[in-house]
Amino acid sequence: MGSDLLTALALVLIIEGLLPGLAPSTWMKVMRDAAKMGPQGIRIAGIISMLSGALLLYFLT
């Protein structure tokens, strides 16, 4: 189980690093736009992201 958790963490780090690594200007624009959303917008985006990931994980297992 520990190995699976580390594998998942490694994949998260790889995916999180793709946009800033490949297109830093686009990443900066996305971050600026996200900062303009305010706390409520960021919260909703985070909840949607978590639910999407949980749903995908449910269907994969």
Protein backbone atom coordinates (compact mmCIF):
# COMPACT_ATOMS: atom_id res chain seq x y z
CA MET A 1 0.00 0.00 0.00
CA GLY A 2 2.83 2.41 0.77
CA SER A 3 4.28 1.81 -2.66
CA ASP A 4 0.93 2.60 -4.29
CA LEU A 5 0.68 5.85 -2.35
CA LEU A 6 4.17 6.91 -3.41
CA THR A 7 3.36 6.00 -7.02
CA ALA A 8 0.21 8.14 -6.87
CA LEU A 9 2.19 11.03 -5.36
CA ALA A 10 4.82 10.73 -8.09
CA LEU A 11 2.11 10.88 -10.77
CA VAL A 12 0.57 13.96 -9.14
CA LEU A 13 3.95 15.70 -9.14
CA ILE A 14 4.55 14.79 -12.79
CA ILE A 15 1.11 16.03 -13.87
CA GLU A 16 1.39 19.20 -11.78
CA GLY A 17 4.75 19.98 -13.37
CA LEU A 18 3.66 19.48 -16.99
CA LEU A 19 2.14 22.89 -17.67
CA PRO A 20 4.79 25.04 -15.96
CA GLY A 21 7.50 22.90 -17.52
CA LEU A 22 6.16 22.95 -21.07
CA ALA A 23 4.40 26.33 -21.23
CA PRO A 24 5.44 28.63 -18.38
CA SER A 25 3.73 31.71 -19.87
CA THR A 26 0.43 29.88 -20.14
CA TRP A 27 0.83 28.57 -16.60
CA MET A 28 1.41 32.11 -15.31
CA LYS A 29 -1.75 33.32 -17.10
CA VAL A 30 -3.77 30.44 -15.62
CA MET A 31 -2.49 31.28 -12.13
CA ARG A 32 -3.33 34.98 -12.58
CA ASP A 33 -6.83 34.08 -13.75
CA ALA A 34 -7.26 31.68 -10.83
CA ALA A 35 -6.23 34.41 -8.39
CA LYS A 36 -8.97 36.64 -9.81
CA MET A 37 -11.65 34.00 -9.14
CA GLY A 38 -11.71 34.65 -5.41
CA PRO A 39 -11.99 32.11 -2.61
CA GLN A 40 -15.46 30.85 -3.56
CA GLY A 41 -14.51 30.19 -7.19
CA ILE A 42 -11.30 28.44 -6.18
CA ARG A 43 -13.23 26.34 -3.64
CA ILE A 44 -15.77 25.26 -6.26
CA ALA A 45 -13.00 24.40 -8.75
CA GLY A 46 -11.23 22.37 -6.06
CA ILE A 47 -14.39 20.48 -5.11
CA ILE A 48 -15.12 19.69 -8.77
CA SER A 49 -11.54 18.48 -9.20
CA MET A 50 -11.71 16.26 -6.10
CA LEU A 51 -15.06 14.77 -7.09
CA SER A 52 -13.83 14.11 -10.64
CA GLY A 53 -10.76 12.32 -9.30
CA ALA A 54 -12.80 10.29 -6.81
CA LEU A 55 -15.26 9.29 -9.53
CA LEU A 56 -12.45 8.28 -11.88
CA LEU A 57 -10.79 6.27 -9.11
CA TYR A 58 -14.10 4.57 -8.33
CA PHE A 59 -14.54 3.47 -11.95
CA LEU A 60 -10.93 2.29 -12.23
CA THR A 61 -11.08 0.05 -9.17
